């Protein structure tokens, strides 16, 4: 993915994490750190910044974050309010991630698009791409009826693929771009679809639908049990079945039809 990112703009200098020592002692007008991992926060101490936005670490206070980034980090694992209150704030929040970050930087978000690299065409193509996996951290993100959905869509003459695991993100992005619609949880394929202007149907079983800006092409299907399972990392089958099969099928068929107007 780093190679692809380097091609986005001639002004963009991309470094691998293993090469982070190359920026030690460098000076910047603005440094933005949206990760709250201690090792990433410590990296901020190796550069000189006229303005720092986001997480940093000091020997005295440990991991902290700048006041202007509090709109985002107050709802994070590193929240000064603690995990429980952070989740309450997250449930109450109605602003998108972009709006929160832009506002903290004294900028106005105007639907600015993702910057994604170009890709070579994938051999995997069709009408609908389904990304069924959610990963071990958020097992309740995985909706229980993806196999059923694939069969229903195929019975209507649509070509449907489950997105496979790829060795590179560029290949994964190319797979997404080979389809007219993507169906998934709140996950990377959703963002790749949004960044590629591909209609997407996203299911929100336990994470915030409000933080995702839809660019006019995202159908959000929100679990009626969202508040009960909000940001819970365990597993309860009820969370994975709360969004009905009929709602998902309808959402996908409408999203495919909308492609002609995108």
Protein backbone atom coordinates (compact mmCIF):
# COMPACT_ATOMS: atom_id res chain seq x y z
CA UNK A 1 0.00 0.00 0.00
CA UNK A 2 2.91 2.37 0.65
CA UNK A 3 3.91 2.21 -3.01
CA UNK A 4 0.36 3.11 -4.02
CA UNK A 5 0.18 5.97 -1.53
CA UNK A 6 3.38 7.42 -2.94
CA UNK A 7 1.62 7.78 -6.27
CA UNK A 8 -1.26 9.88 -4.97
CA UNK A 9 0.68 13.15 -5.03
CA UNK A 10 4.18 14.24 -5.91
CA UNK A 11 4.16 16.26 -2.68
CA UNK A 12 3.42 13.26 -0.49
CA UNK A 13 6.38 11.60 1.19
CA UNK A 14 5.44 8.18 2.55
CA UNK A 15 7.59 6.35 5.09
CA UNK A 16 7.30 2.81 6.33
CA UNK A 17 6.94 2.51 10.10
CA UNK A 18 10.28 0.71 10.24
CA UNK A 19 11.89 3.81 8.71
CA UNK A 20 10.39 6.25 11.21
CA UNK A 21 13.82 7.18 12.51
CA UNK A 22 14.36 9.13 9.28
CA UNK A 23 12.15 11.98 10.55
CA UNK A 24 13.90 12.38 13.90
CA UNK A 25 14.83 16.01 14.40
CA UNK A 26 12.75 17.22 11.46
CA UNK A 27 10.63 20.35 11.83
CA UNK A 28 7.01 20.71 10.72
CA UNK A 29 4.39 23.43 10.77
CA UNK A 30 1.73 20.89 11.74
CA UNK A 31 1.98 17.32 13.03
CA UNK A 32 -1.23 15.28 13.23
CA UNK A 33 -1.29 12.03 15.19
CA UNK A 34 -4.65 10.28 15.23
CA UNK A 35 -3.30 7.07 16.77
CA UNK A 36 -3.31 6.67 20.53
CA UNK A 37 -0.83 3.82 20.72
CA UNK A 38 2.03 4.68 23.12
CA UNK A 39 4.77 3.93 20.59
CA UNK A 40 3.18 6.21 18.00
CA UNK A 41 2.65 8.91 20.61
CA UNK A 42 6.31 8.72 21.63
CA UNK A 43 7.32 9.35 18.03
CA UNK A 44 5.94 12.88 18.43
CA UNK A 45 8.80 13.61 20.82
CA UNK A 46 11.37 13.06 18.08
CA UNK A 47 10.15 15.86 15.80
CA UNK A 48 9.71 19.61 16.17
CA UNK A 49 6.20 20.89 15.52
CA UNK A 50 4.86 24.42 15.45
CA UNK A 51 1.51 22.83 16.17
CA UNK A 52 0.71 19.31 17.33
CA UNK A 53 -2.78 17.89 16.90
CA UNK A 54 -3.69 14.59 18.53
CA UNK A 55 -2.00 12.12 20.84
CA UNK A 56 1.40 12.47 22.44
CA UNK A 57 3.28 11.09 25.44
CA UNK A 58 5.26 12.73 28.22
CA UNK A 59 7.26 11.06 31.01
CA UNK A 60 5.20 12.85 33.66
CA UNK A 61 1.66 12.48 32.33
CA UNK A 62 1.97 9.47 30.05
CA UNK A 63 -0.35 9.27 27.06
CA UNK A 64 -2.40 12.39 26.47
CA UNK A 65 -3.86 14.42 23.62
CA UNK A 66 -4.12 18.05 22.64
CA UNK A 67 -7.16 20.10 23.66
CA UNK A 68 -8.11 20.81 20.05
CA UNK A 69 -8.34 17.07 19.32
CA UNK A 70 -10.57 16.33 22.32
CA UNK A 71 -13.69 16.06 20.14
CA UNK A 72 -12.29 12.78 18.83
CA UNK A 73 -10.06 11.49 21.61
CA UNK A 74 -12.59 12.07 24.39
CA UNK A 75 -14.46 9.16 22.79
CA UNK A 76 -11.39 6.93 22.43
CA UNK A 77 -9.74 4.26 24.55
CA UNK A 78 -7.35 6.93 25.81
CA UNK A 79 -10.18 9.27 26.87
CA UNK A 80 -9.49 11.44 29.90
CA UNK A 81 -13.04 10.52 31.01
CA UNK A 82 -12.36 6.78 31.13
CA UNK A 83 -13.61 3.99 28.90
CA UNK A 84 -17.20 3.88 30.18
CA UNK A 85 -17.87 7.59 29.76
CA UNK A 86 -16.07 7.58 26.41
CA UNK A 87 -18.56 5.02 25.11
CA UNK A 88 -21.45 7.14 26.39
CA UNK A 89 -20.07 10.16 24.54
CA UNK A 90 -19.63 8.04 21.43
CA UNK A 91 -23.24 6.88 21.54
CA UNK A 92 -24.42 10.48 21.95
CA UNK A 93 -22.19 11.84 19.19
CA UNK A 94 -23.85 12.69 15.88
CA UNK A 95 -20.85 14.15 14.03
CA UNK A 96 -18.86 12.22 11.45
CA UNK A 97 -15.20 11.41 11.95
CA UNK A 98 -14.30 13.90 9.24
CA UNK A 99 -16.35 16.65 10.84
CA UNK A 100 -14.70 16.04 14.22
CA UNK A 101 -11.16 16.14 12.82
CA UNK A 102 -11.73 19.07 10.48
CA UNK A 103 -13.39 21.07 13.25
CA UNK A 104 -10.50 20.44 15.62
CA UNK A 105 -8.12 21.73 12.97
CA UNK A 106 -10.26 24.86 12.44
CA UNK A 107 -11.27 23.66 9.00
CA UNK A 108 -14.67 23.11 7.42
CA UNK A 109 -15.48 19.67 6.09
CA UNK A 110 -17.23 20.01 2.73
CA UNK A 111 -17.57 16.42 1.70
CA UNK A 112 -13.88 16.20 0.82
CA UNK A 113 -13.14 12.86 -0.84
CA UNK A 114 -10.76 10.13 0.21
CA UNK A 115 -7.36 10.08 -1.48
CA UNK A 116 -6.81 6.54 -2.74
CA UNK A 117 -4.22 5.15 -5.15
CA UNK A 118 -4.94 3.80 -8.61
CA UNK A 119 -5.09 0.03 -9.06
CA UNK A 120 -4.81 -2.45 -11.89
CA UNK A 121 -8.07 -4.29 -12.67
CA UNK A 122 -8.78 -7.33 -10.54
CA UNK A 123 -9.74 -10.73 -11.90
CA UNK A 124 -12.46 -10.76 -9.25
CA UNK A 125 -15.45 -8.84 -10.54
CA UNK A 126 -19.21 -8.95 -10.41
CA UNK A 127 -22.31 -7.12 -9.27
CA UNK A 128 -22.00 -7.43 -5.50
CA UNK A 129 -18.97 -7.92 -3.28
CA UNK A 130 -19.67 -9.22 0.23
CA UNK A 131 -17.07 -8.75 2.96
CA UNK A 132 -18.35 -11.14 5.63
CA UNK A 133 -15.42 -11.15 8.02
CA UNK A 134 -15.11 -8.72 10.93
CA UNK A 135 -11.99 -9.86 12.75
CA UNK A 136 -11.48 -11.10 16.32
CA UNK A 137 -11.70 -7.69 18.03
CA UNK A 138 -15.31 -7.03 17.00
CA UNK A 139 -16.96 -10.45 16.49
CA UNK A 140 -20.45 -8.97 16.74
CA UNK A 141 -19.86 -6.89 13.62
CA UNK A 142 -20.34 -10.05 11.55
CA UNK A 143 -23.93 -10.37 10.38
CA UNK A 144 -25.21 -13.94 10.54
CA UNK A 145 -26.88 -14.25 7.12
CA UNK A 146 -24.31 -13.42 4.47
CA UNK A 147 -24.55 -16.92 2.94
CA UNK A 148 -28.32 -16.52 2.68
CA UNK A 149 -27.88 -13.08 1.10
CA UNK A 150 -25.49 -14.41 -1.53
CA UNK A 151 -27.94 -17.14 -2.51
CA UNK A 152 -30.85 -14.69 -2.70
CA UNK A 153 -28.93 -12.26 -4.90
CA UNK A 154 -27.67 -15.02 -7.18
CA UNK A 155 -31.24 -16.31 -7.57
CA UNK A 156 -32.00 -12.90 -9.09
CA UNK A 157 -29.27 -13.31 -11.69
CA UNK A 158 -26.61 -11.22 -9.96
CA UNK A 159 -22.97 -12.19 -9.78
CA UNK A 160 -21.88 -12.17 -6.14
CA UNK A 161 -18.42 -12.67 -4.67
CA UNK A 162 -17.12 -12.97 -1.14
CA UNK A 163 -14.05 -10.76 -0.89
CA UNK A 164 -11.02 -12.98 -0.26
CA UNK A 165 -8.00 -12.24 1.89
CA UNK A 166 -5.26 -10.64 -0.22
CA UNK A 167 -1.54 -10.21 0.48
CA UNK A 168 -1.70 -6.46 -0.21
CA UNK A 169 -4.20 -3.68 0.38
CA UNK A 170 -3.88 -2.60 -3.24
CA UNK A 171 -5.17 -5.99 -4.38
CA UNK A 172 -8.01 -5.75 -1.86
CA UNK A 173 -8.87 -2.29 -3.18
CA UNK A 174 -8.85 -3.60 -6.75
CA UNK A 175 -11.28 -6.38 -5.75
CA UNK A 176 -13.66 -3.81 -4.29
CA UNK A 177 -13.46 -1.73 -7.46
CA UNK A 178 -14.44 -4.73 -9.55
CA UNK A 179 -18.04 -4.58 -8.27
CA UNK A 180 -21.13 -2.38 -8.48
CA UNK A 181 -21.96 -2.60 -4.79
CA UNK A 182 -20.26 -3.66 -1.56
CA UNK A 183 -21.99 -5.20 1.46
CA UNK A 184 -20.09 -5.30 4.74
CA UNK A 185 -19.87 -4.28 8.35
CA UNK A 186 -18.32 -1.03 9.55
CA UNK A 187 -14.94 -2.04 8.14
CA UNK A 188 -12.11 -1.36 5.70
CA UNK A 189 -14.06 -2.54 2.60
CA UNK A 190 -16.71 0.07 3.42
CA UNK A 191 -14.10 2.83 3.36
CA UNK A 192 -12.51 1.50 0.17
CA UNK A 193 -15.93 1.49 -1.49
CA UNK A 194 -16.71 5.03 -0.33
CA UNK A 195 -13.32 6.21 -1.53
CA UNK A 196 -13.92 4.57 -4.91
CA UNK A 197 -17.45 6.02 -5.35
CA UNK A 198 -19.04 2.58 -5.20
CA UNK A 199 -22.43 2.24 -3.48
CA UNK A 200 -22.10 0.41 -0.19
CA UNK A 201 -24.51 -1.19 2.25
CA UNK A 202 -22.99 -1.22 5.74
CA UNK A 203 -24.41 -3.00 8.76
CA UNK A 204 -23.90 -1.43 12.17
CA UNK A 205 -24.39 -4.02 14.91
CA UNK A 206 -22.21 -2.55 17.64
CA UNK A 207 -20.34 0.51 16.35
CA UNK A 208 -21.28 4.09 15.57
CA UNK A 209 -23.12 4.74 12.28
CA UNK A 210 -22.96 8.49 12.88
CA UNK A 211 -19.18 8.68 12.64
CA UNK A 212 -19.31 7.45 9.04
CA UNK A 213 -19.88 10.10 6.38
CA UNK A 214 -21.75 8.47 3.52
CA UNK A 215 -20.95 10.73 0.53
CA UNK A 216 -24.46 10.07 -0.77
CA UNK A 217 -23.67 6.44 -1.65
CA UNK A 218 -23.77 4.68 1.72
CA UNK A 219 -26.82 2.82 2.96
CA UNK A 220 -26.60 2.47 6.74
CA UNK A 221 -28.51 -0.42 8.27
CA UNK A 222 -28.52 0.14 12.02
CA UNK A 223 -29.30 -2.62 14.48
CA UNK A 224 -32.36 -2.03 16.70
CA UNK A 225 -30.18 -3.39 19.51
CA UNK A 226 -27.29 -1.00 18.85
CA UNK A 227 -27.43 0.69 22.25
CA UNK A 228 -27.35 -2.66 24.08
CA UNK A 229 -24.24 -3.87 22.26
CA UNK A 230 -22.60 -0.53 21.56
CA UNK A 231 -18.81 -0.94 21.46
CA UNK A 232 -18.98 -4.28 23.24
CA UNK A 233 -16.18 -6.62 22.19
CA UNK A 234 -17.66 -9.89 23.33
CA UNK A 235 -20.13 -11.99 21.39
CA UNK A 236 -23.89 -12.36 21.58
CA UNK A 237 -25.70 -13.98 18.65
CA UNK A 238 -28.62 -11.57 19.05
CA UNK A 239 -26.39 -8.72 17.89
CA UNK A 240 -25.59 -10.55 14.64
CA UNK A 241 -29.23 -11.30 13.79
CA UNK A 242 -30.97 -8.09 14.84
CA UNK A 243 -30.88 -6.53 11.36
CA UNK A 244 -33.42 -8.44 9.30
CA UNK A 245 -32.66 -10.37 6.14
CA UNK A 246 -35.40 -8.46 4.32
CA UNK A 247 -33.88 -5.08 5.19
CA UNK A 248 -30.43 -6.11 3.97
CA UNK A 249 -31.74 -7.61 0.74
CA UNK A 250 -33.83 -4.54 0.02
CA UNK A 251 -30.92 -2.23 0.79
CA UNK A 252 -28.59 -4.08 -1.57
CA UNK A 253 -31.07 -4.18 -4.45
CA UNK A 254 -31.72 -0.45 -4.09
CA UNK A 255 -28.00 0.29 -3.92
CA UNK A 256 -27.36 -1.64 -7.14
CA UNK A 257 -30.09 0.32 -8.89
CA UNK A 258 -28.60 3.59 -7.65
CA UNK A 259 -25.28 2.87 -9.36
CA UNK A 260 -26.58 4.22 -12.66
CA UNK A 261 -27.11 7.61 -10.99
CA UNK A 262 -23.75 7.81 -9.22
